[in-house]
């Protein structure tokens, strides 16, 4: 049995809303969620050889990689696969802005091919 199987049953929309609330006011969510999101934010940071966080392009590349993995995991829930009836809304948010990317980033090339197996 997969030790992370409980995560697949999570309400992604609810967790995303909690995270948005956390980003606006960390004290506005339950302390256990605060710790969870602190760990999530920490995990998305990249550290250089000197132990300091890297900035700029490296962070954007991480955000692009996270968006790619989200599409791989949840893209089928947004795709129109049945032309006869509309897709049920599963609450999956794949907007680039939800991953820290802006419209200006859409015209930028990022080097993430090696990290996603291409």
C-alpha atoms as a PDB file:
ATOM      1  CA  UNK A   1       0.000   0.000   0.000  1.00  0.00           C
ATOM      2  CA  UNK A   2       1.258   3.448  -0.906  1.00  0.00           C
ATOM      3  CA  UNK A   3       1.992   5.431   2.235  1.00  0.00           C
ATOM      4  CA  UNK A   4       0.787   8.618   0.497  1.00  0.00           C
ATOM      5  CA  UNK A   5      -2.520   7.209  -0.782  1.00  0.00           C
ATOM      6  CA  UNK A   6      -4.468   9.448   1.601  1.00  0.00           C
ATOM      7  CA  UNK A   7      -3.306  12.478  -0.382  1.00  0.00           C
ATOM      8  CA  UNK A   8      -5.079  11.349  -3.548  1.00  0.00           C
ATOM      9  CA  UNK A   9      -8.392  11.679  -1.722  1.00  0.00           C
ATOM     10  CA  UNK A  10      -7.705  15.282  -0.699  1.00  0.00           C
ATOM     11  CA  UNK A  11      -9.904  18.096  -1.957  1.00  0.00           C
ATOM     12  CA  UNK A  12      -7.379  19.988  -4.077  1.00  0.00           C
ATOM     13  CA  UNK A  13      -9.588  23.069  -4.334  1.00  0.00           C
ATOM     14  CA  UNK A  14      -9.924  23.266  -0.562  1.00  0.00           C
ATOM     15  CA  UNK A  15      -6.185  22.909   0.019  1.00  0.00           C
ATOM     16  CA  UNK A  16      -5.467  25.509  -2.661  1.00  0.00           C
ATOM     17  CA  UNK A  17      -7.886  27.932  -0.986  1.00  0.00           C
ATOM     18  CA  UNK A  18      -6.204  27.314   2.375  1.00  0.00           C
ATOM     19  CA  UNK A  19      -2.827  28.015   0.775  1.00  0.00           C
ATOM     20  CA  UNK A  20      -4.087  31.258  -0.775  1.00  0.00           C
ATOM     21  CA  UNK A  21      -5.410  32.284   2.660  1.00  0.00           C
ATOM     22  CA  UNK A  22      -2.067  31.311   4.208  1.00  0.00           C
ATOM     23  CA  UNK A  23      -0.149  33.470   1.719  1.00  0.00           C
ATOM     24  CA  UNK A  24      -2.333  36.463   2.587  1.00  0.00           C
ATOM     25  CA  UNK A  25      -2.296  35.912   6.359  1.00  0.00           C
ATOM     26  CA  UNK A  26      -0.384  32.933   7.813  1.00  0.00           C
ATOM     27  CA  UNK A  27      -2.137  33.319  11.170  1.00  0.00           C
ATOM     28  CA  UNK A  28      -5.521  32.959   9.465  1.00  0.00           C
ATOM     29  CA  UNK A  29      -5.181  29.189   9.053  1.00  0.00           C
ATOM     30  CA  UNK A  30      -4.901  26.389  11.597  1.00  0.00           C
ATOM     31  CA  UNK A  31      -1.368  26.012  13.070  1.00  0.00           C
ATOM     32  CA  UNK A  32      -1.018  22.512  11.603  1.00  0.00           C
ATOM     33  CA  UNK A  33      -1.711  23.919   8.117  1.00  0.00           C
ATOM     34  CA  UNK A  34       0.740  26.747   8.824  1.00  0.00           C
ATOM     35  CA  UNK A  35       3.484  24.171   9.400  1.00  0.00           C
ATOM     36  CA  UNK A  36       2.438  22.236   6.301  1.00  0.00           C
ATOM     37  CA  UNK A  37       2.606  25.341   4.102  1.00  0.00           C
ATOM     38  CA  UNK A  38       5.887  26.459   5.690  1.00  0.00           C
ATOM     39  CA  UNK A  39       7.320  23.109   4.653  1.00  0.00           C
ATOM     40  CA  UNK A  40       5.836  23.467   1.178  1.00  0.00           C
ATOM     41  CA  UNK A  41       7.311  26.953   0.743  1.00  0.00           C
ATOM     42  CA  UNK A  42      10.660  25.695   2.003  1.00  0.00           C
ATOM     43  CA  UNK A  43      10.594  22.776  -0.426  1.00  0.00           C
ATOM     44  CA  UNK A  44      10.100  25.081  -3.407  1.00  0.00           C
ATOM     45  CA  UNK A  45      13.208  27.106  -2.592  1.00  0.00           C
ATOM     46  CA  UNK A  46      16.448  26.307  -4.333  1.00  0.00           C
ATOM     47  CA  UNK A  47      19.707  26.537  -2.485  1.00  0.00           C
ATOM     48  CA  UNK A  48      23.055  27.262  -4.084  1.00  0.00           C
ATOM     49  CA  UNK A  49      26.402  25.823  -3.072  1.00  0.00           C
ATOM     50  CA  UNK A  50      26.865  28.492  -0.415  1.00  0.00           C
ATOM     51  CA  UNK A  51      23.597  27.589   1.326  1.00  0.00           C
ATOM     52  CA  UNK A  52      21.831  30.803   0.314  1.00  0.00           C
ATOM     53  CA  UNK A  53      18.615  30.684  -1.632  1.00  0.00           C
ATOM     54  CA  UNK A  54      18.951  31.242  -5.335  1.00  0.00           C
ATOM     55  CA  UNK A  55      16.885  33.946  -6.982  1.00  0.00           C
ATOM     56  CA  UNK A  56      15.600  34.927 -10.365  1.00  0.00           C
ATOM     57  CA  UNK A  57      15.555  32.331 -13.117  1.00  0.00           C
ATOM     58  CA  UNK A  58      16.079  29.333 -10.868  1.00  0.00           C
ATOM     59  CA  UNK A  59      12.942  30.067  -8.878  1.00  0.00           C
ATOM     60  CA  UNK A  60      10.972  30.621 -12.080  1.00  0.00           C
ATOM     61  CA  UNK A  61      12.267  27.312 -13.449  1.00  0.00           C
ATOM     62  CA  UNK A  62      11.035  25.578 -10.311  1.00  0.00           C
ATOM     63  CA  UNK A  63       7.637  27.194 -10.757  1.00  0.00           C
ATOM     64  CA  UNK A  64       7.534  26.087 -14.405  1.00  0.00           C
ATOM     65  CA  UNK A  65       8.504  22.550 -13.364  1.00  0.00           C
ATOM     66  CA  UNK A  66       5.730  22.526 -10.757  1.00  0.00           C
ATOM     67  CA  UNK A  67       3.227  23.671 -13.398  1.00  0.00           C
ATOM     68  CA  UNK A  68       4.364  20.915 -15.767  1.00  0.00           C
ATOM     69  CA  UNK A  69       3.997  18.272 -13.064  1.00  0.00           C
ATOM     70  CA  UNK A  70       0.536  19.624 -12.198  1.00  0.00           C
ATOM     71  CA  UNK A  71      -0.522  19.273 -15.840  1.00  0.00           C
ATOM     72  CA  UNK A  72       0.866  15.742 -15.891  1.00  0.00           C
ATOM     73  CA  UNK A  73      -1.037  14.829 -12.747  1.00  0.00           C
ATOM     74  CA  UNK A  74      -4.306  16.717 -13.187  1.00  0.00           C
ATOM     75  CA  UNK A  75      -4.518  17.831 -16.823  1.00  0.00           C
ATOM     76  CA  UNK A  76      -6.901  15.026 -17.700  1.00  0.00           C
ATOM     77  CA  UNK A  77      -9.397  16.498 -15.239  1.00  0.00           C
ATOM     78  CA  UNK A  78      -9.509  19.736 -17.258  1.00  0.00           C
ATOM     79  CA  UNK A  79      -9.405  18.250 -20.770  1.00  0.00           C
ATOM     80  CA  UNK A  80     -12.513  18.115 -22.927  1.00  0.00           C
ATOM     81  CA  UNK A  81     -12.667  14.429 -23.771  1.00  0.00           C
ATOM     82  CA  UNK A  82     -16.402  14.060 -24.364  1.00  0.00           C
ATOM     83  CA  UNK A  83     -17.918  16.315 -27.055  1.00  0.00           C
ATOM     84  CA  UNK A  84     -21.475  15.416 -26.012  1.00  0.00           C
ATOM     85  CA  UNK A  85     -21.533  16.633 -22.421  1.00  0.00           C
ATOM     86  CA  UNK A  86     -19.563  19.163 -20.468  1.00  0.00           C
ATOM     87  CA  UNK A  87     -16.783  18.159 -18.134  1.00  0.00           C
ATOM     88  CA  UNK A  88     -17.605  18.069 -14.442  1.00  0.00           C
ATOM     89  CA  UNK A  89     -15.644  20.677 -12.486  1.00  0.00           C
ATOM     90  CA  UNK A  90     -13.139  18.895 -10.253  1.00  0.00           C
ATOM     91  CA  UNK A  91     -11.800  22.133  -8.764  1.00  0.00           C
ATOM     92  CA  UNK A  92      -8.363  21.686 -10.301  1.00  0.00           C
ATOM     93  CA  UNK A  93      -6.535  24.974 -10.774  1.00  0.00           C
ATOM     94  CA  UNK A  94      -3.895  24.848 -13.504  1.00  0.00           C
ATOM     95  CA  UNK A  95      -3.605  28.588 -14.065  1.00  0.00           C
ATOM     96  CA  UNK A  96       0.003  29.695 -14.430  1.00  0.00           C
ATOM     97  CA  UNK A  97      -0.654  32.507 -11.946  1.00  0.00           C
ATOM     98  CA  UNK A  98      -1.362  29.888  -9.265  1.00  0.00           C
ATOM     99  CA  UNK A  99       2.226  28.709  -9.631  1.00  0.00           C
ATOM    100  CA  UNK A 100       3.804  32.149  -9.232  1.00  0.00           C
ATOM    101  CA  UNK A 101       4.138  32.820 -12.954  1.00  0.00           C
ATOM    102  CA  UNK A 102       3.017  35.985 -14.728  1.00  0.00           C
ATOM    103  CA  UNK A 103       1.775  36.665 -18.242  1.00  0.00           C
ATOM    104  CA  UNK A 104       5.243  38.052 -19.037  1.00  0.00           C
ATOM    105  CA  UNK A 105       6.721  34.636 -18.206  1.00  0.00           C
ATOM    106  CA  UNK A 106       4.707  33.041 -21.024  1.00  0.00           C
ATOM    107  CA  UNK A 107       7.166  34.478 -23.576  1.00  0.00           C
ATOM    108  CA  UNK A 108      10.246  33.337 -21.637  1.00  0.00           C
ATOM    109  CA  UNK A 109      12.097  30.102 -22.366  1.00  0.00           C
ATOM    110  CA  UNK A 110      13.056  28.020 -19.343  1.00  0.00           C
ATOM    111  CA  UNK A 111      15.568  25.195 -19.182  1.00  0.00           C
ATOM    112  CA  UNK A 112      13.648  22.428 -17.429  1.00  0.00           C
ATOM    113  CA  UNK A 113      13.810  19.720 -20.096  1.00  0.00           C
ATOM    114  CA  UNK A 114      16.427  17.585 -18.332  1.00  0.00           C
ATOM    115  CA  UNK A 115      14.564  17.694 -15.050  1.00  0.00           C
ATOM    116  CA  UNK A 116      11.317  16.420 -16.551  1.00  0.00           C
ATOM    117  CA  UNK A 117      12.889  13.673 -18.624  1.00  0.00           C
ATOM    118  CA  UNK A 118      13.080  15.302 -22.039  1.00  0.00           C
END
